[in-house]
Amino acid sequence: MERVCFVLQVRAEKLEEYKARHQQVWPEMLHALREAGWTNYSLFLRADGMLVGYVETPDFAHALSEMAKTEVNGCWQKEMAEFFVIPSGAMADQAMLPLEEVFHLE
């Protein structure tokens, strides 16, 4: 099982709306994530907009690929793009910057 931690940057003026959107994630999106192998998935948001994500999955590249095939992911990514500091036209799931794991207490 891969443990993946990644970072993104949420726009400062969008922090409260970003948090509110994640109180009501579409059921179809939640189902698609589970079907694509995303488990133990969490998001953490710092006051300055730094977003840290954590997911456990058998294969992160495969999990991203499976999500990219779904219609619901495309819709979600388009809706959420305005919240992130990312290159114009990019989607957040394409801009995730995975961090190198340097320690894990087993």
PDB file of N, CA and C in Angstrom:
ATOM      1  N   MET A   1       0.854  -1.180   0.000  1.00  0.00           N
ATOM      2  CA  MET A   1       0.000   0.000   0.000  1.00  0.00           C
ATOM      3  C   MET A   1       0.894   1.234   0.000  1.00  0.00           C
ATOM      4  N   GLU A   2       0.683   2.129  -0.936  1.00  0.00           N
ATOM      5  CA  GLU A   2       1.414   3.400  -0.969  1.00  0.00           C
ATOM      6  C   GLU A   2       0.728   4.408  -0.051  1.00  0.00           C
ATOM      7  N   ARG A   3       1.528   5.122   0.706  1.00  0.00           N
ATOM      8  CA  ARG A   3       1.057   6.277   1.470  1.00  0.00           C
ATOM      9  C   ARG A   3       1.553   7.496   0.734  1.00  0.00           C
ATOM     10  N   VAL A   4       0.635   8.344   0.302  1.00  0.00           N
ATOM     11  CA  VAL A   4       1.009   9.508  -0.496  1.00  0.00           C
ATOM     12  C   VAL A   4       0.530  10.770   0.205  1.00  0.00           C
ATOM     13  N   CYS A   5       1.437  11.707   0.335  1.00  0.00           N
ATOM     14  CA  CYS A   5       1.125  13.029   0.868  1.00  0.00           C
ATOM     15  C   CYS A   5       1.446  14.033  -0.232  1.00  0.00           C
ATOM     16  N   PHE A   6       0.546  14.963  -0.461  1.00  0.00           N
ATOM     17  CA  PHE A   6       0.774  15.953  -1.514  1.00  0.00           C
ATOM     18  C   PHE A   6       0.346  17.329  -1.026  1.00  0.00           C
ATOM     19  N   VAL A   7       0.833  18.356  -1.713  1.00  0.00           N
ATOM     20  CA  VAL A   7       0.482  19.728  -1.360  1.00  0.00           C
ATOM     21  C   VAL A   7      -0.097  20.457  -2.572  1.00  0.00           C
ATOM     22  N   LEU A   8      -0.967  21.378  -2.267  1.00  0.00           N
ATOM     23  CA  LEU A   8      -1.533  22.325  -3.227  1.00  0.00           C
ATOM     24  C   LEU A   8      -1.700  23.650  -2.490  1.00  0.00           C
ATOM     25  N   GLN A   9      -1.961  24.706  -3.224  1.00  0.00           N
ATOM     26  CA  GLN A   9      -2.170  26.009  -2.604  1.00  0.00           C
ATOM     27  C   GLN A   9      -3.566  26.510  -2.943  1.00  0.00           C
ATOM     28  N   VAL A  10      -4.381  26.733  -1.910  1.00  0.00           N
ATOM     29  CA  VAL A  10      -5.727  27.288  -2.077  1.00  0.00           C
ATOM     30  C   VAL A  10      -5.618  28.810  -2.012  1.00  0.00           C
ATOM     31  N   ARG A  11      -6.339  29.475  -2.880  1.00  0.00           N
ATOM     32  CA  ARG A  11      -6.343  30.946  -2.882  1.00  0.00           C
ATOM     33  C   ARG A  11      -6.889  31.470  -1.552  1.00  0.00           C
ATOM     34  N   ALA A  12      -6.196  32.457  -0.990  1.00  0.00           N
ATOM     35  CA  ALA A  12      -6.550  32.992   0.329  1.00  0.00           C
ATOM     36  C   ALA A  12      -8.002  33.464   0.391  1.00  0.00           C
ATOM     37  N   GLU A  13      -8.476  34.083  -0.655  1.00  0.00           N
ATOM     38  CA  GLU A  13      -9.836  34.623  -0.660  1.00  0.00           C
ATOM     39  C   GLU A  13     -10.902  33.530  -0.818  1.00  0.00           C
ATOM     40  N   LYS A  14     -10.480  32.296  -1.048  1.00  0.00           N
ATOM     41  CA  LYS A  14     -11.419  31.192  -1.281  1.00  0.00           C
ATOM     42  C   LYS A  14     -11.420  30.155  -0.153  1.00  0.00           C
ATOM     43  N   LEU A  15     -10.691  30.410   0.925  1.00  0.00           N
ATOM     44  CA  LEU A  15     -10.534  29.399   1.975  1.00  0.00           C
ATOM     45  C   LEU A  15     -11.857  28.936   2.570  1.00  0.00           C
ATOM     46  N   GLU A  16     -12.703  29.858   2.966  1.00  0.00           N
ATOM     47  CA  GLU A  16     -13.970  29.477   3.604  1.00  0.00           C
ATOM     48  C   GLU A  16     -14.885  28.738   2.642  1.00  0.00           C
ATOM     49  N   GLU A  17     -14.957  29.194   1.406  1.00  0.00           N
ATOM     50  CA  GLU A  17     -15.790  28.504   0.423  1.00  0.00           C
ATOM     51  C   GLU A  17     -15.229  27.113   0.118  1.00  0.00           C
ATOM     52  N   TYR A  18     -13.903  26.985   0.055  1.00  0.00           N
ATOM     53  CA  TYR A  18     -13.283  25.686  -0.178  1.00  0.00           C
ATOM     54  C   TYR A  18     -13.677  24.705   0.926  1.00  0.00           C
ATOM     55  N   LYS A  19     -13.589  25.165   2.177  1.00  0.00           N
ATOM     56  CA  LYS A  19     -13.969  24.300   3.297  1.00  0.00           C
ATOM     57  C   LYS A  19     -15.449  23.929   3.219  1.00  0.00           C
ATOM     58  N   ALA A  20     -16.289  24.882   2.874  1.00  0.00           N
ATOM     59  CA  ALA A  20     -17.730  24.616   2.768  1.00  0.00           C
ATOM     60  C   ALA A  20     -18.020  23.588   1.675  1.00  0.00           C
ATOM     61  N   ARG A  21     -17.336  23.678   0.550  1.00  0.00           N
ATOM     62  CA  ARG A  21     -17.539  22.711  -0.540  1.00  0.00           C
ATOM     63  C   ARG A  21     -17.208  21.294  -0.097  1.00  0.00           C
ATOM     64  N   HIS A  22     -16.243  21.161   0.782  1.00  0.00           N
ATOM     65  CA  HIS A  22     -15.845  19.827   1.219  1.00  0.00           C
ATOM     66  C   HIS A  22     -16.732  19.281   2.335  1.00  0.00           C
ATOM     67  N   GLN A  23     -17.673  20.056   2.784  1.00  0.00           N
ATOM     68  CA  GLN A  23     -18.697  19.549   3.694  1.00  0.00           C
ATOM     69  C   GLN A  23     -19.799  18.835   2.914  1.00  0.00           C
ATOM     70  N   GLN A  24     -19.815  19.061   1.580  1.00  0.00           N
ATOM     71  CA  GLN A  24     -20.866  18.501   0.733  1.00  0.00           C
ATOM     72  C   GLN A  24     -20.280  17.926  -0.551  1.00  0.00           C
ATOM     73  N   VAL A  25     -19.288  17.059  -0.420  1.00  0.00           N
ATOM     74  CA  VAL A  25     -18.707  16.419  -1.605  1.00  0.00           C
ATOM     75  C   VAL A  25     -19.776  15.538  -2.232  1.00  0.00           C
ATOM     76  N   TRP A  26     -19.881  15.625  -3.554  1.00  0.00           N
ATOM     77  CA  TRP A  26     -20.899  14.869  -4.279  1.00  0.00           C
ATOM     78  C   TRP A  26     -20.773  13.373  -3.985  1.00  0.00           C
ATOM     79  N   PRO A  27     -21.872  12.686  -3.711  1.00  0.00           N
ATOM     80  CA  PRO A  27     -21.824  11.240  -3.474  1.00  0.00           C
ATOM     81  C   PRO A  27     -21.179  10.477  -4.634  1.00  0.00           C
ATOM     82  N   GLU A  28     -21.404  10.921  -5.851  1.00  0.00           N
ATOM     83  CA  GLU A  28     -20.813  10.262  -7.026  1.00  0.00           C
ATOM     84  C   GLU A  28     -19.286  10.392  -7.017  1.00  0.00           C
ATOM     85  N   MET A  29     -18.792  11.510  -6.516  1.00  0.00           N
ATOM     86  CA  MET A  29     -17.349  11.724  -6.432  1.00  0.00           C
ATOM     87  C   MET A  29     -16.754  10.807  -5.361  1.00  0.00           C
ATOM     88  N   LEU A  30     -17.411  10.709  -4.228  1.00  0.00           N
ATOM     89  CA  LEU A  30     -16.938   9.832  -3.159  1.00  0.00           C
ATOM     90  C   LEU A  30     -16.901   8.382  -3.640  1.00  0.00           C
ATOM     91  N   HIS A  31     -17.930   7.969  -4.350  1.00  0.00           N
ATOM     92  CA  HIS A  31     -17.985   6.607  -4.889  1.00  0.00           C
ATOM     93  C   HIS A  31     -16.842   6.375  -5.886  1.00  0.00           C
ATOM     94  N   ALA A  32     -16.624   7.329  -6.768  1.00  0.00           N
ATOM     95  CA  ALA A  32     -15.564   7.198  -7.778  1.00  0.00           C
ATOM     96  C   ALA A  32     -14.191   7.090  -7.111  1.00  0.00           C
ATOM     97  N   LEU A  33     -13.945   7.887  -6.087  1.00  0.00           N
ATOM     98  CA  LEU A  33     -12.668   7.816  -5.372  1.00  0.00           C
ATOM     99  C   LEU A  33     -12.454   6.421  -4.779  1.00  0.00           C
ATOM    100  N   ARG A  34     -13.477   5.922  -4.126  1.00  0.00           N
ATOM    101  CA  ARG A  34     -13.358   4.584  -3.528  1.00  0.00           C
ATOM    102  C   ARG A  34     -13.124   3.520  -4.597  1.00  0.00           C
ATOM    103  N   GLU A  35     -13.859   3.591  -5.688  1.00  0.00           N
ATOM    104  CA  GLU A  35     -13.723   2.613  -6.772  1.00  0.00           C
ATOM    105  C   GLU A  35     -12.333   2.666  -7.409  1.00  0.00           C
ATOM    106  N   ALA A  36     -11.723   3.860  -7.430  1.00  0.00           N
ATOM    107  CA  ALA A  36     -10.397   4.030  -8.036  1.00  0.00           C
ATOM    108  C   ALA A  36      -9.259   3.644  -7.084  1.00  0.00           C
ATOM    109  N   GLY A  37      -9.608   3.255  -5.859  1.00  0.00           N
ATOM    110  CA  GLY A  37      -8.585   2.786  -4.935  1.00  0.00           C
ATOM    111  C   GLY A  37      -8.101   3.801  -3.919  1.00  0.00           C
ATOM    112  N   TRP A  38      -8.792   4.932  -3.777  1.00  0.00           N
ATOM    113  CA  TRP A  38      -8.407   5.936  -2.781  1.00  0.00           C
ATOM    114  C   TRP A  38      -8.965   5.508  -1.419  1.00  0.00           C
ATOM    115  N   THR A  39      -8.086   5.275  -0.459  1.00  0.00           N
ATOM    116  CA  THR A  39      -8.535   4.935   0.892  1.00  0.00           C
ATOM    117  C   THR A  39      -7.823   5.828   1.896  1.00  0.00           C
ATOM    118  N   ASN A  40      -8.444   5.960   3.055  1.00  0.00           N
ATOM    119  CA  ASN A  40      -7.882   6.773   4.127  1.00  0.00           C
ATOM    120  C   ASN A  40      -7.460   8.152   3.602  1.00  0.00           C
ATOM    121  N   TYR A  41      -8.317   8.750   2.784  1.00  0.00           N
ATOM    122  CA  TYR A  41      -8.027  10.019   2.120  1.00  0.00           C
ATOM    123  C   TYR A  41      -8.450  11.173   3.016  1.00  0.00           C
ATOM    124  N   SER A  42      -7.518  12.093   3.270  1.00  0.00           N
ATOM    125  CA  SER A  42      -7.777  13.261   4.112  1.00  0.00           C
ATOM    126  C   SER A  42      -7.161  14.500   3.489  1.00  0.00           C
ATOM    127  N   LEU A  43      -7.771  15.640   3.770  1.00  0.00           N
ATOM    128  CA  LEU A  43      -7.234  16.943   3.372  1.00  0.00           C
ATOM    129  C   LEU A  43      -7.088  17.795   4.626  1.00  0.00           C
ATOM    130  N   PHE A  44      -5.981  18.517   4.700  1.00  0.00           N
ATOM    131  CA  PHE A  44      -5.701  19.413   5.817  1.00  0.00           C
ATOM    132  C   PHE A  44      -5.383  20.786   5.237  1.00  0.00           C
ATOM    133  N   LEU A  45      -5.960  21.837   5.807  1.00  0.00           N
ATOM    134  CA  LEU A  45      -5.797  23.182   5.263  1.00  0.00           C
ATOM    135  C   LEU A  45      -5.222  24.113   6.318  1.00  0.00           C
ATOM    136  N   ARG A  46      -4.116  24.760   5.965  1.00  0.00           N
ATOM    137  CA  ARG A  46      -3.489  25.743   6.846  1.00  0.00           C
ATOM    138  C   ARG A  46      -4.112  27.110   6.569  1.00  0.00           C
ATOM    139  N   ALA A  47      -4.058  28.005   7.528  1.00  0.00           N
ATOM    140  CA  ALA A  47      -4.685  29.325   7.425  1.00  0.00           C
ATOM    141  C   ALA A  47      -4.174  30.146   6.245  1.00  0.00           C
ATOM    142  N   ASP A  48      -2.952  29.884   5.776  1.00  0.00           N
ATOM    143  CA  ASP A  48      -2.416  30.634   4.637  1.00  0.00           C
ATOM    144  C   ASP A  48      -2.772  29.984   3.292  1.00  0.00           C
ATOM    145  N   GLY A  49      -3.576  28.911   3.326  1.00  0.00           N
ATOM    146  CA  GLY A  49      -4.018  28.278   2.092  1.00  0.00           C
ATOM    147  C   GLY A  49      -3.243  27.041   1.684  1.00  0.00           C
ATOM    148  N   MET A  50      -2.202  26.701   2.442  1.00  0.00           N
ATOM    149  CA  MET A  50      -1.477  25.481   2.102  1.00  0.00           C
ATOM    150  C   MET A  50      -2.371  24.278   2.391  1.00  0.00           C
ATOM    151  N   LEU A  51      -2.598  23.474   1.373  1.00  0.00           N
ATOM    152  CA  LEU A  51      -3.436  22.288   1.484  1.00  0.00           C
ATOM    153  C   LEU A  51      -2.541  21.058   1.437  1.00  0.00           C
ATOM    154  N   VAL A  52      -2.693  20.199   2.425  1.00  0.00           N
ATOM    155  CA  VAL A  52      -1.944  18.950   2.486  1.00  0.00           C
ATOM    156  C   VAL A  52      -2.947  17.813   2.356  1.00  0.00           C
ATOM    157  N   GLY A  53      -2.710  16.947   1.388  1.00  0.00           N
ATOM    158  CA  GLY A  53      -3.557  15.785   1.205  1.00  0.00           C
ATOM    159  C   GLY A  53      -2.802  14.518   1.542  1.00  0.00           C
ATOM    160  N   TYR A  54      -3.536  13.537   2.030  1.00  0.00           N
ATOM    161  CA  TYR A  54      -2.948  12.240   2.360  1.00  0.00           C
ATOM    162  C   TYR A  54      -3.894  11.161   1.859  1.00  0.00           C
ATOM    163  N   VAL A  55      -3.334  10.158   1.198  1.00  0.00           N
ATOM    164  CA  VAL A  55      -4.140   9.036   0.709  1.00  0.00           C
ATOM    165  C   VAL A  55      -3.318   7.761   0.780  1.00  0.00           C
ATOM    166  N   GLU A  56      -3.997   6.675   1.004  1.00  0.00           N
ATOM    167  CA  GLU A  56      -3.383   5.354   0.926  1.00  0.00           C
ATOM    168  C   GLU A  56      -4.035   4.630  -0.239  1.00  0.00           C
ATOM    169  N   THR A  57      -3.213   4.029  -1.088  1.00  0.00           N
ATOM    170  CA  THR A  57      -3.708   3.363  -2.282  1.00  0.00           C
ATOM    171  C   THR A  57      -2.677   2.343  -2.752  1.00  0.00           C
ATOM    172  N   PRO A  58      -3.113   1.273  -3.389  1.00  0.00           N
ATOM    173  CA  PRO A  58      -2.147   0.299  -3.889  1.00  0.00           C
ATOM    174  C   PRO A  58      -1.173   0.889  -4.913  1.00  0.00           C
ATOM    175  N   ASP A  59      -1.658   1.848  -5.714  1.00  0.00           N
ATOM    176  CA  ASP A  59      -0.837   2.423  -6.791  1.00  0.00           C
ATOM    177  C   ASP A  59      -1.364   3.823  -7.083  1.00  0.00           C
ATOM    178  N   PHE A  60      -0.651   4.856  -6.637  1.00  0.00           N
ATOM    179  CA  PHE A  60      -1.129   6.233  -6.779  1.00  0.00           C
ATOM    180  C   PHE A  60      -1.305   6.645  -8.237  1.00  0.00           C
ATOM    181  N   ALA A  61      -0.358   6.304  -9.080  1.00  0.00           N
ATOM    182  CA  ALA A  61      -0.477   6.660 -10.500  1.00  0.00           C
ATOM    183  C   ALA A  61      -1.724   6.017 -11.095  1.00  0.00           C
ATOM    184  N   HIS A  62      -1.979   4.771 -10.740  1.00  0.00           N
ATOM    185  CA  HIS A  62      -3.170   4.084 -11.239  1.00  0.00           C
ATOM    186  C   HIS A  62      -4.448   4.728 -10.685  1.00  0.00           C
ATOM    187  N   ALA A  63      -4.435   5.084  -9.401  1.00  0.00           N
ATOM    188  CA  ALA A  63      -5.599   5.727  -8.784  1.00  0.00           C
ATOM    189  C   ALA A  63      -5.913   7.058  -9.463  1.00  0.00           C
ATOM    190  N   LEU A  64      -4.885   7.839  -9.770  1.00  0.00           N
ATOM    191  CA  LEU A  64      -5.095   9.097 -10.502  1.00  0.00           C
ATOM    192  C   LEU A  64      -5.643   8.829 -11.904  1.00  0.00           C
ATOM    193  N   SER A  65      -5.079   7.845 -12.563  1.00  0.00           N
ATOM    194  CA  SER A  65      -5.509   7.491 -13.915  1.00  0.00           C
ATOM    195  C   SER A  65      -6.965   7.046 -13.937  1.00  0.00           C
ATOM    196  N   GLU A  66      -7.345   6.227 -12.974  1.00  0.00           N
ATOM    197  CA  GLU A  66      -8.735   5.748 -12.912  1.00  0.00           C
ATOM    198  C   GLU A  66      -9.697   6.911 -12.668  1.00  0.00           C
ATOM    199  N   MET A  67      -9.328   7.840 -11.813  1.00  0.00           N
ATOM    200  CA  MET A  67     -10.178   9.014 -11.570  1.00  0.00           C
ATOM    201  C   MET A  67     -10.291   9.872 -12.819  1.00  0.00           C
ATOM    202  N   ALA A  68      -9.199  10.015 -13.549  1.00  0.00           N
ATOM    203  CA  ALA A  68      -9.210  10.847 -14.760  1.00  0.00           C
ATOM    204  C   ALA A  68     -10.181  10.316 -15.805  1.00  0.00           C
ATOM    205  N   LYS A  69     -10.502   9.044 -15.745  1.00  0.00           N
ATOM    206  CA  LYS A  69     -11.430   8.429 -16.701  1.00  0.00           C
ATOM    207  C   LYS A  69     -12.896   8.714 -16.379  1.00  0.00           C
ATOM    208  N   THR A  70     -13.176   9.211 -15.176  1.00  0.00           N
ATOM    209  CA  THR A  70     -14.567   9.393 -14.764  1.00  0.00           C
ATOM    210  C   THR A  70     -15.098  10.774 -15.122  1.00  0.00           C
ATOM    211  N   GLU A  71     -16.347  10.801 -15.491  1.00  0.00           N
ATOM    212  CA  GLU A  71     -17.003  12.060 -15.823  1.00  0.00           C
ATOM    213  C   GLU A  71     -17.130  12.955 -14.588  1.00  0.00           C
ATOM    214  N   VAL A  72     -17.440  12.344 -13.438  1.00  0.00           N
ATOM    215  CA  VAL A  72     -17.634  13.128 -12.221  1.00  0.00           C
ATOM    216  C   VAL A  72     -16.350  13.829 -11.807  1.00  0.00           C
ATOM    217  N   ASN A  73     -15.204  13.189 -11.987  1.00  0.00           N
ATOM    218  CA  ASN A  73     -13.937  13.835 -11.641  1.00  0.00           C
ATOM    219  C   ASN A  73     -13.694  15.053 -12.528  1.00  0.00           C
ATOM    220  N   GLY A  74     -13.965  14.928 -13.807  1.00  0.00           N
ATOM    221  CA  GLY A  74     -13.793  16.070 -14.701  1.00  0.00           C
ATOM    222  C   GLY A  74     -14.658  17.246 -14.279  1.00  0.00           C
ATOM    223  N   CYS A  75     -15.904  16.962 -13.920  1.00  0.00           N
ATOM    224  CA  CYS A  75     -16.813  18.024 -13.465  1.00  0.00           C
ATOM    225  C   CYS A  75     -16.339  18.645 -12.165  1.00  0.00           C
ATOM    226  N   TRP A  76     -15.924  17.795 -11.215  1.00  0.00           N
ATOM    227  CA  TRP A  76     -15.449  18.285  -9.922  1.00  0.00           C
ATOM    228  C   TRP A  76     -14.197  19.139 -10.099  1.00  0.00           C
ATOM    229  N   GLN A  77     -13.245  18.658 -10.890  1.00  0.00           N
ATOM    230  CA  GLN A  77     -11.997  19.389 -11.099  1.00  0.00           C
ATOM    231  C   GLN A  77     -12.259  20.750 -11.745  1.00  0.00           C
ATOM    232  N   LYS A  78     -13.170  20.810 -12.705  1.00  0.00           N
ATOM    233  CA  LYS A  78     -13.498  22.098 -13.339  1.00  0.00           C
ATOM    234  C   LYS A  78     -14.111  23.056 -12.330  1.00  0.00           C
ATOM    235  N   GLU A  79     -15.008  22.561 -11.491  1.00  0.00           N
ATOM    236  CA  GLU A  79     -15.639  23.406 -10.479  1.00  0.00           C
ATOM    237  C   GLU A  79     -14.636  23.906  -9.444  1.00  0.00           C
ATOM    238  N   MET A  80     -13.658  23.080  -9.109  1.00  0.00           N
ATOM    239  CA  MET A  80     -12.724  23.414  -8.043  1.00  0.00           C
ATOM    240  C   MET A  80     -11.489  24.178  -8.526  1.00  0.00           C
ATOM    241  N   ALA A  81     -11.254  24.243  -9.818  1.00  0.00           N
ATOM    242  CA  ALA A  81     -10.038  24.877 -10.350  1.00  0.00           C
ATOM    243  C   ALA A  81      -9.867  26.319  -9.860  1.00  0.00           C
ATOM    244  N   GLU A  82     -10.948  27.048  -9.708  1.00  0.00           N
ATOM    245  CA  GLU A  82     -10.863  28.449  -9.290  1.00  0.00           C
ATOM    246  C   GLU A  82     -10.322  28.618  -7.866  1.00  0.00           C
ATOM    247  N   PHE A  83     -10.305  27.560  -7.095  1.00  0.00           N
ATOM    248  CA  PHE A  83      -9.859  27.634  -5.708  1.00  0.00           C
ATOM    249  C   PHE A  83      -8.343  27.551  -5.554  1.00  0.00           C
ATOM    250  N   PHE A  84      -7.652  27.099  -6.587  1.00  0.00           N
ATOM    251  CA  PHE A  84      -6.230  26.792  -6.464  1.00  0.00           C
ATOM    252  C   PHE A  84      -5.320  27.758  -7.208  1.00  0.00           C
ATOM    253  N   VAL A  85      -4.124  27.912  -6.681  1.00  0.00           N
ATOM    254  CA  VAL A  85      -3.054  28.631  -7.357  1.00  0.00           C
ATOM    255  C   VAL A  85      -2.339  27.575  -8.194  1.00  0.00           C
ATOM    256  N   ILE A  86      -2.744  27.462  -9.454  1.00  0.00           N
ATOM    257  CA  ILE A  86      -2.187  26.490 -10.388  1.00  0.00           C
ATOM    258  C   ILE A  86      -2.100  27.147 -11.754  1.00  0.00           C
ATOM    259  N   PRO A  87      -1.316  26.609 -12.659  1.00  0.00           N
ATOM    260  CA  PRO A  87      -1.233  27.183 -14.001  1.00  0.00           C
ATOM    261  C   PRO A  87      -2.597  27.238 -14.679  1.00  0.00           C
ATOM    262  N   SER A  88      -2.829  28.264 -15.439  1.00  0.00           N
ATOM    263  CA  SER A  88      -4.093  28.432 -16.145  1.00  0.00           C
ATOM    264  C   SER A  88      -4.401  27.199 -16.990  1.00  0.00           C
ATOM    265  N   GLY A  89      -5.630  26.717 -16.882  1.00  0.00           N
ATOM    266  CA  GLY A  89      -6.056  25.557 -17.652  1.00  0.00           C
ATOM    267  C   GLY A  89      -5.752  24.228 -16.998  1.00  0.00           C
ATOM    268  N   ALA A  90      -4.949  24.232 -15.938  1.00  0.00           N
ATOM    269  CA  ALA A  90      -4.604  22.982 -15.244  1.00  0.00           C
ATOM    270  C   ALA A  90      -5.702  22.636 -14.246  1.00  0.00           C
ATOM    271  N   MET A  91      -5.782  21.389 -13.908  1.00  0.00           N
ATOM    272  CA  MET A  91      -6.707  20.917 -12.884  1.00  0.00           C
ATOM    273  C   MET A  91      -5.891  20.540 -11.648  1.00  0.00           C
ATOM    274  N   ALA A  92      -6.511  20.662 -10.488  1.00  0.00           N
ATOM    275  CA  ALA A  92      -5.799  20.402  -9.235  1.00  0.00           C
ATOM    276  C   ALA A  92      -5.216  18.998  -9.180  1.00  0.00           C
ATOM    277  N   ASP A  93      -5.945  18.022  -9.704  1.00  0.00           N
ATOM    278  CA  ASP A  93      -5.432  16.652  -9.627  1.00  0.00           C
ATOM    279  C   ASP A  93      -4.206  16.443 -10.509  1.00  0.00           C
ATOM    280  N   GLN A  94      -3.954  17.376 -11.421  1.00  0.00           N
ATOM    281  CA  GLN A  94      -2.753  17.323 -12.262  1.00  0.00           C
ATOM    282  C   GLN A  94      -1.615  18.136 -11.647  1.00  0.00           C
ATOM    283  N   ALA A  95      -1.933  18.963 -10.657  1.00  0.00           N
ATOM    284  CA  ALA A  95      -0.942  19.856 -10.053  1.00  0.00           C
ATOM    285  C   ALA A  95      -0.488  19.389  -8.671  1.00  0.00           C
ATOM    286  N   MET A  96      -0.986  18.233  -8.235  1.00  0.00           N
ATOM    287  CA  MET A  96      -0.577  17.713  -6.926  1.00  0.00           C
ATOM    288  C   MET A  96       0.929  17.490  -6.907  1.00  0.00           C
ATOM    289  N   LEU A  97       1.577  17.949  -5.856  1.00  0.00           N
ATOM    290  CA  LEU A  97       3.016  17.767  -5.721  1.00  0.00           C
ATOM    291  C   LEU A  97       3.272  16.760  -4.599  1.00  0.00           C
ATOM    292  N   PRO A  98       3.430  15.467  -4.935  1.00  0.00           N
ATOM    293  CA  PRO A  98       3.680  14.477  -3.889  1.00  0.00           C
ATOM    294  C   PRO A  98       4.985  14.771  -3.151  1.00  0.00           C
ATOM    295  N   LEU A  99       4.952  14.525  -1.850  1.00  0.00           N
ATOM    296  CA  LEU A  99       6.120  14.718  -1.010  1.00  0.00           C
ATOM    297  C   LEU A  99       6.826  13.379  -0.812  1.00  0.00           C
ATOM    298  N   GLU A 100       8.128  13.430  -0.662  1.00  0.00           N
ATOM    299  CA  GLU A 100       8.896  12.224  -0.398  1.00  0.00           C
ATOM    300  C   GLU A 100       8.724  11.822   1.065  1.00  0.00           C
ATOM    301  N   GLU A 101       8.370  10.581   1.299  1.00  0.00           N
ATOM    302  CA  GLU A 101       8.274  10.081   2.667  1.00  0.00           C
ATOM    303  C   GLU A 101       9.677   9.795   3.166  1.00  0.00           C
ATOM    304  N   VAL A 102      10.026  10.410   4.291  1.00  0.00           N
ATOM    305  CA  VAL A 102      11.361  10.206   4.853  1.00  0.00           C
ATOM    306  C   VAL A 102      11.332   9.444   6.171  1.00  0.00           C
ATOM    307  N   PHE A 103      10.147   9.270   6.760  1.00  0.00           N
ATOM    308  CA  PHE A 103      10.033   8.505   7.987  1.00  0.00           C
ATOM    309  C   PHE A 103       8.593   8.036   8.152  1.00  0.00           C
ATOM    310  N   HIS A 104       8.443   6.826   8.680  1.00  0.00           N
ATOM    311  CA  HIS A 104       7.117   6.294   9.004  1.00  0.00           C
ATOM    312  C   HIS A 104       7.277   5.390  10.217  1.00  0.00           C
ATOM    313  N   LEU A 105       6.580   5.681  11.291  1.00  0.00           N
ATOM    314  CA  LEU A 105       6.611   4.876  12.491  1.00  0.00           C
ATOM    315  C   LEU A 105       5.643   3.719  12.319  1.00  0.00           C
ATOM    316  N   GLU A 106       6.179   2.524  12.229  1.00  0.00           N
ATOM    317  CA  GLU A 106       5.324   1.354  12.041  1.00  0.00           C
ATOM    318  C   GLU A 106       5.063   0.670  13.348  1.00  0.00           C
TER     319      GLU A 106
END
